Amino acid sequence: MQNIIKVEKHAELLKPAYKKEQSFRRQIVNKYQLLLLLLPALIYILIFHYVPLYGIQIAFKQYLSVKGIMGSPWVGFRNFETFFHSDSFMLVIKNTIGITLYSLVAGFPLPILLAILLHNLPGVAFRKTVQLIVYAPHFLSVVVIVGMLNVMLQPDYGVVNNLLKIIGLNPVFFMAKAEYFKSIFVWSGIWQNMGFSSVIYLAALASVDPTLYEAAKVDGATRLQRMLYIDLPSIMPTAVILLILHSGQLLNVGFEKVYLMQNAVNLSTSEVISTYVYRVGILKGTFEFGAAVGLFNSLVSAFILIMVNQLVKKLNSTSLF
């Protein structure tokens, strides 16, 4: 009799798990169309993002093309040690972090400000016109942007130097001055992407309850006060998430634009991890060294992302995970 009671109690305990499993299976059957729609994206991610992880082992080998990845001899952390003890290590780390921090400090608040201003512009037609103007640069390719910079900053006929001549100053060859590289790179990137980056904040502002604005108007709040006490707090959770994501890109600077703007004169401030990997790892054929530098970059970025997320989680209830 006691054994029967124990079996019944055990069966009662298993019922919630069984029901949960049945419910999960039922959801799969009922929503199979959505899963099929998701399937191509999952296959793409699997093929192009997870399968290539097989090649990470090259960072720990002395790669020989005739032997392939599996046949190449293991060298442990020698490739990483070569990077850490190289003369360029501190230079590329300093330049990479310097550019990303500069971009973060200068560029992160501006899309928030732009989104709030666009949200409060009077007139739908005027607002859409302004949005079209500020969004347009995002759709220009990096090659076009760098070409525009070269023409505008050209010392002989560039627009900027012509303005300097008008006010009595000597022309400056900006692209050949190492000290100007970071500012040119960062502010041209802000001009190009600020409008498009504000879209996500505009979406957050669109979800704000209109009654909050009506109550604020009844209480006599000015437009500036509504921006500060309604708009800004409403988009702060979104801003925190994006800030965490940006922190994970601390060692990632876009290769294309840096490489196109780079020359022998400004190399001291323009050499970053991505261009260093291309120059040393690919052009010189030391693929294992380039893989080691890239793996180091990814691991440090992931560590920074996790630490910043945990810090924000302690200070604020909003976090990435």
Protein backbone atom coordinates (compact mmCIF):
# COMPACT_ATOMS: atom_id res chain seq x y z
CA MET A 1 0.00 0.00 0.00
CA GLN A 2 2.80 2.39 0.88
CA ASN A 3 4.52 1.65 -2.45
CA ILE A 4 1.33 2.52 -4.33
CA ILE A 5 1.07 5.85 -2.48
CA LYS A 6 4.71 6.67 -3.31
CA VAL A 7 4.16 5.92 -6.99
CA GLU A 8 1.07 8.13 -7.04
CA LYS A 9 2.96 11.00 -5.39
CA HIS A 10 5.82 10.59 -7.88
CA ALA A 11 3.33 10.68 -10.76
CA GLU A 12 1.80 13.88 -9.38
CA LEU A 13 5.24 15.51 -9.28
CA LEU A 14 5.92 14.54 -12.90
CA LYS A 15 2.62 15.98 -14.20
CA PRO A 16 3.79 19.67 -14.46
CA ALA A 17 6.92 18.69 -16.41
CA TYR A 18 4.88 16.39 -18.67
CA LYS A 19 2.31 19.12 -19.30
CA LYS A 20 5.07 21.61 -20.06
CA GLU A 21 6.63 19.20 -22.56
CA GLN A 22 3.26 18.57 -24.20
CA SER A 23 2.61 22.32 -24.38
CA PHE A 24 6.00 22.92 -26.02
CA ARG A 25 5.35 20.21 -28.62
CA ARG A 26 1.89 21.64 -29.30
CA GLN A 27 3.35 25.11 -29.87
CA ILE A 28 5.86 23.68 -32.36
CA VAL A 29 3.08 21.95 -34.28
CA ASN A 30 0.78 24.97 -34.23
CA LYS A 31 3.46 27.47 -35.25
CA TYR A 32 5.47 25.42 -37.71
CA GLN A 33 5.02 28.11 -40.40
CA LEU A 34 6.92 30.63 -38.28
CA LEU A 35 9.66 28.10 -37.59
CA LEU A 36 10.00 27.41 -41.32
CA LEU A 37 10.23 31.15 -41.91
CA LEU A 38 13.02 31.31 -39.33
CA LEU A 39 14.86 28.30 -40.75
CA PRO A 40 16.85 30.11 -43.54
CA ALA A 41 18.24 32.62 -41.02
CA LEU A 42 19.25 29.82 -38.66
CA ILE A 43 20.97 27.94 -41.49
CA TYR A 44 22.79 31.12 -42.52
CA ILE A 45 24.03 31.74 -38.96
CA LEU A 46 25.06 28.10 -38.58
CA ILE A 47 27.04 28.00 -41.84
CA PHE A 48 28.71 31.40 -41.73
CA HIS A 49 29.07 32.01 -37.98
CA TYR A 50 29.45 28.65 -36.25
CA VAL A 51 31.02 26.32 -38.80
CA PRO A 52 34.00 28.70 -39.32
CA LEU A 53 34.80 28.39 -35.60
CA TYR A 54 36.53 25.18 -36.63
CA GLY A 55 39.38 27.36 -37.96
CA ILE A 56 40.10 28.95 -34.56
CA GLN A 57 42.64 26.22 -33.89
CA ILE A 58 44.94 27.78 -36.49
CA ALA A 59 45.77 30.45 -33.88
CA PHE A 60 47.52 27.76 -31.83
CA LYS A 61 49.44 26.23 -34.74
CA GLN A 62 52.26 27.00 -37.12
CA TYR A 63 50.10 26.92 -40.20
CA LEU A 64 51.54 25.17 -43.26
CA SER A 65 49.35 25.32 -46.33
CA VAL A 66 50.68 22.01 -47.68
CA LYS A 67 49.62 20.20 -44.49
CA GLY A 68 46.37 22.04 -43.88
CA ILE A 69 44.88 23.04 -40.56
CA MET A 70 44.75 19.56 -39.07
CA GLY A 71 48.25 18.58 -40.19
CA SER A 72 50.02 21.77 -39.06
CA PRO A 73 52.06 21.43 -35.85
CA TRP A 74 50.80 22.85 -32.55
CA VAL A 75 52.78 25.74 -31.06
CA GLY A 76 50.50 26.62 -28.13
CA PHE A 77 50.40 30.32 -27.26
CA ARG A 78 53.47 31.27 -29.28
CA ASN A 79 51.49 33.37 -31.77
CA PHE A 80 49.89 35.32 -28.93
CA GLU A 81 53.27 35.89 -27.28
CA THR A 82 54.66 37.16 -30.57
CA PHE A 83 51.85 39.73 -30.72
CA PHE A 84 52.22 40.78 -27.08
CA HIS A 85 55.97 41.31 -27.43
CA SER A 86 55.85 43.03 -30.82
CA ASP A 87 56.75 46.69 -31.17
CA SER A 88 53.30 47.45 -32.61
CA PHE A 89 51.27 45.95 -29.74
CA MET A 90 50.91 49.08 -27.61
CA LEU A 91 50.48 51.28 -30.69
CA VAL A 92 47.56 49.35 -32.18
CA ILE A 93 45.86 48.88 -28.80
CA LYS A 94 46.20 52.58 -27.97
CA ASN A 95 44.92 53.69 -31.37
CA THR A 96 42.02 51.22 -31.38
CA ILE A 97 40.81 52.09 -27.88
CA GLY A 98 41.40 55.80 -28.51
CA ILE A 99 39.25 55.85 -31.65
CA THR A 100 36.42 53.77 -30.14
CA LEU A 101 36.28 55.80 -26.92
CA TYR A 102 36.35 59.02 -28.93
CA SER A 103 33.49 57.72 -31.09
CA LEU A 104 31.53 56.58 -28.05
CA VAL A 105 31.89 59.80 -26.05
CA ALA A 106 31.29 62.12 -29.01
CA GLY A 107 28.79 60.06 -30.99
CA PHE A 108 26.62 58.18 -28.51
CA PRO A 109 24.63 61.13 -27.04
CA LEU A 110 24.01 62.87 -30.39
CA PRO A 111 21.50 60.35 -31.84
CA ILE A 112 19.54 60.59 -28.59
CA LEU A 113 19.45 64.37 -28.82
CA LEU A 114 18.55 64.24 -32.52
CA ALA A 115 15.72 61.77 -31.89
CA ILE A 116 14.22 63.96 -29.17
CA LEU A 117 14.46 67.05 -31.40
CA LEU A 118 12.92 65.25 -34.38
CA HIS A 119 10.12 63.91 -32.18
CA ASN A 120 9.22 67.43 -31.09
CA LEU A 121 9.42 69.14 -34.47
CA PRO A 122 6.15 70.84 -35.45
CA GLY A 123 4.46 69.78 -38.67
CA VAL A 124 4.51 66.28 -40.14
CA ALA A 125 5.80 67.38 -43.57
CA PHE A 126 8.64 69.44 -42.11
CA ARG A 127 9.60 66.61 -39.74
CA LYS A 128 9.75 64.06 -42.57
CA THR A 129 11.86 66.40 -44.68
CA VAL A 130 14.38 66.85 -41.88
CA GLN A 131 14.43 63.11 -41.24
CA LEU A 132 15.14 62.42 -44.93
CA ILE A 133 18.06 64.88 -44.90
CA VAL A 134 19.70 63.45 -41.77
CA TYR A 135 19.12 59.82 -42.83
CA ALA A 136 20.57 60.21 -46.34
CA PRO A 137 24.33 60.09 -45.48
CA HIS A 138 23.94 56.62 -43.96
CA PHE A 139 23.23 55.14 -47.40
CA LEU A 140 26.47 56.45 -48.89
CA SER A 141 29.22 53.84 -49.17
CA VAL A 142 32.44 54.16 -47.20
CA VAL A 143 34.38 54.64 -50.44
CA VAL A 144 32.20 57.63 -51.36
CA ILE A 145 32.56 59.16 -47.89
CA VAL A 146 36.37 58.88 -47.95
CA GLY A 147 36.42 60.28 -51.48
CA MET A 148 34.37 63.26 -50.33
CA LEU A 149 36.76 63.80 -47.41
CA ASN A 150 39.77 63.73 -49.72
CA VAL A 151 38.19 66.32 -52.03
CA MET A 152 36.88 68.61 -49.29
CA LEU A 153 40.15 68.56 -47.31
CA GLN A 154 42.45 68.84 -50.34
CA PRO A 155 45.06 71.59 -49.64
CA ASP A 156 44.83 73.28 -53.07
CA TYR A 157 41.14 73.41 -53.99
CA GLY A 158 39.31 71.82 -51.04
CA VAL A 159 36.31 73.63 -49.56
CA VAL A 160 37.76 73.69 -46.04
CA ASN A 161 41.11 75.12 -47.11
CA ASN A 162 39.42 77.70 -49.34
CA LEU A 163 37.53 78.91 -46.27
CA LEU A 164 40.80 79.04 -44.34
CA LYS A 165 42.33 81.16 -47.11
CA ILE A 166 39.38 83.55 -47.03
CA ILE A 167 39.90 84.25 -43.32
CA GLY A 168 43.65 84.68 -43.84
CA LEU A 169 44.95 81.30 -42.63
CA ASN A 170 47.37 78.99 -44.42
CA PRO A 171 45.97 75.80 -46.02
CA VAL A 172 46.47 72.55 -44.12
CA PHE A 173 46.93 69.08 -45.61
CA PHE A 174 44.60 67.44 -43.11
CA MET A 175 44.85 63.90 -44.47
CA ALA A 176 48.64 63.97 -44.08
CA LYS A 177 48.54 65.19 -40.47
CA ALA A 178 48.56 62.29 -38.00
CA GLU A 179 47.06 64.42 -35.23
CA TYR A 180 43.91 65.10 -37.28
CA PHE A 181 43.17 61.50 -38.27
CA LYS A 182 41.04 60.51 -35.27
CA SER A 183 38.90 63.64 -35.39
CA ILE A 184 38.31 63.32 -39.15
CA PHE A 185 37.44 59.63 -38.78
CA VAL A 186 35.11 60.07 -35.81
CA TRP A 187 33.21 63.19 -36.86
CA SER A 188 32.69 62.03 -40.43
CA GLY A 189 31.31 58.78 -39.00
CA ILE A 190 28.99 60.71 -36.69
CA TRP A 191 27.74 62.80 -39.62
CA GLN A 192 27.13 59.67 -41.66
CA ASN A 193 25.39 57.50 -39.05
CA MET A 194 23.81 59.89 -36.55
CA GLY A 195 20.49 60.14 -38.37
CA PHE A 196 20.07 56.41 -38.90
CA SER A 197 21.14 55.65 -35.31
CA SER A 198 18.32 57.86 -34.05
CA VAL A 199 15.67 55.60 -35.63
CA ILE A 200 15.62 53.17 -32.71
CA TYR A 201 15.17 56.05 -30.26
CA LEU A 202 12.34 57.47 -32.36
CA ALA A 203 10.68 54.06 -32.19
CA ALA A 204 10.99 54.12 -28.39
CA LEU A 205 9.51 57.64 -28.27
CA ALA A 206 6.59 56.55 -30.45
CA SER A 207 5.53 54.11 -27.71
CA VAL A 208 5.25 56.81 -25.03
CA ASP A 209 1.71 57.26 -23.70
CA PRO A 210 0.30 60.53 -25.20
CA THR A 211 -1.57 61.19 -21.95
CA LEU A 212 1.77 61.95 -20.28
CA TYR A 213 2.29 64.89 -22.64
CA GLU A 214 -1.29 66.07 -22.13
CA ALA A 215 -0.92 65.94 -18.35
CA ALA A 216 2.39 67.81 -18.57
CA LYS A 217 0.80 70.53 -20.70
CA VAL A 218 -2.06 70.89 -18.22
CA ASP A 219 0.52 71.29 -15.44
CA GLY A 220 2.21 74.05 -17.42
CA ALA A 221 5.35 72.15 -18.50
CA THR A 222 7.29 73.79 -21.30
CA ARG A 223 8.51 71.92 -24.39
CA LEU A 224 12.01 71.69 -22.89
CA GLN A 225 10.64 70.30 -19.63
CA ARG A 226 8.63 67.67 -21.53
CA MET A 227 11.83 66.64 -23.32
CA LEU A 228 13.78 66.36 -20.06
CA TYR A 229 11.15 64.68 -17.88
CA ILE A 230 9.18 62.56 -20.38
CA ASP A 231 11.18 61.94 -23.56
CA LEU A 232 14.60 61.39 -22.03
CA PRO A 233 13.52 58.94 -19.26
CA SER A 234 11.39 57.03 -21.79
CA ILE A 235 14.37 56.19 -24.01
CA MET A 236 16.92 55.58 -21.26
CA PRO A 237 16.36 51.76 -21.13
CA THR A 238 17.01 51.60 -24.88
CA ALA A 239 20.06 53.82 -24.51
CA VAL A 240 21.46 51.60 -21.74
CA ILE A 241 21.12 48.46 -23.88
CA LEU A 242 22.84 50.15 -26.83
CA LEU A 243 25.59 51.46 -24.55
CA ILE A 244 26.28 47.91 -23.34
CA LEU A 245 26.43 46.68 -26.93
CA HIS A 246 28.79 49.51 -27.90
CA SER A 247 31.08 48.64 -25.00
CA GLY A 248 31.56 45.20 -26.54
CA GLN A 249 32.97 46.91 -29.63
CA LEU A 250 35.75 48.66 -27.72
CA LEU A 251 38.48 46.88 -29.71
CA ASN A 252 36.60 46.79 -33.00
CA VAL A 253 37.16 49.63 -35.44
CA GLY A 254 35.81 49.27 -38.97
CA PHE A 255 38.54 48.12 -41.33
CA GLU A 256 37.35 49.63 -44.61
CA LYS A 257 37.24 53.30 -43.65
CA VAL A 258 40.47 53.22 -41.64
CA TYR A 259 42.28 51.44 -44.46
CA LEU A 260 41.03 53.90 -47.09
CA MET A 261 42.06 56.90 -44.98
CA GLN A 262 45.37 55.39 -43.97
CA ASN A 263 48.69 56.47 -45.47
CA ALA A 264 52.37 56.31 -44.56
CA VAL A 265 52.26 59.74 -42.90
CA ASN A 266 49.36 59.16 -40.48
CA LEU A 267 50.19 55.52 -39.69
CA SER A 268 51.19 56.37 -36.12
CA THR A 269 47.57 57.24 -35.26
CA SER A 270 45.66 55.20 -37.86
CA GLU A 271 47.11 51.72 -37.33
CA VAL A 272 44.40 49.72 -35.52
CA ILE A 273 43.97 46.00 -34.83
CA SER A 274 41.97 45.30 -38.01
CA THR A 275 44.48 46.96 -40.35
CA TYR A 276 47.38 45.42 -38.44
CA VAL A 277 45.90 41.93 -38.89
CA TYR A 278 45.46 42.61 -42.61
CA ARG A 279 48.97 43.99 -43.07
CA VAL A 280 50.83 41.41 -40.99
CA GLY A 281 48.55 38.38 -41.03
CA ILE A 282 47.25 38.39 -44.61
CA LEU A 283 49.66 40.36 -46.78
CA LYS A 284 52.69 38.63 -45.22
CA GLY A 285 51.00 35.23 -45.25
CA THR A 286 51.23 34.58 -41.49
CA PHE A 287 47.63 33.47 -41.20
CA GLU A 288 48.11 31.86 -37.80
CA PHE A 289 49.38 35.16 -36.38
CA GLY A 290 46.41 37.05 -37.80
CA ALA A 291 44.03 34.45 -36.35
CA ALA A 292 45.68 34.77 -32.93
CA VAL A 293 45.30 38.57 -32.95
CA GLY A 294 41.68 38.29 -34.08
CA LEU A 295 40.91 35.71 -31.36
CA PHE A 296 42.51 37.93 -28.72
CA ASN A 297 40.37 40.82 -29.95
CA SER A 298 37.16 38.77 -29.77
CA LEU A 299 37.87 37.36 -26.29
CA VAL A 300 38.69 40.77 -24.81
CA SER A 301 35.58 42.29 -26.42
CA ALA A 302 33.38 39.51 -25.00
CA PHE A 303 34.93 39.97 -21.54
CA ILE A 304 34.35 43.74 -21.61
CA LEU A 305 30.74 43.22 -22.73
CA ILE A 306 30.03 40.80 -19.87
CA MET A 307 31.69 43.03 -17.25
CA VAL A 308 29.88 46.18 -18.40
CA ASN A 309 26.58 44.31 -18.47
CA GLN A 310 27.09 43.04 -14.91
CA LEU A 311 28.05 46.53 -13.73
CA VAL A 312 24.97 48.09 -15.32
CA LYS A 313 22.83 45.30 -13.91
CA LYS A 314 23.96 46.19 -10.38
CA LEU A 315 23.39 49.91 -10.90
CA ASN A 316 20.23 49.64 -12.98
CA SER A 317 17.54 47.02 -13.49
CA THR A 318 18.00 47.28 -17.28
CA SER A 319 20.63 44.96 -18.73
CA LEU A 320 21.37 42.93 -21.83
CA PHE A 321 21.21 39.53 -20.09
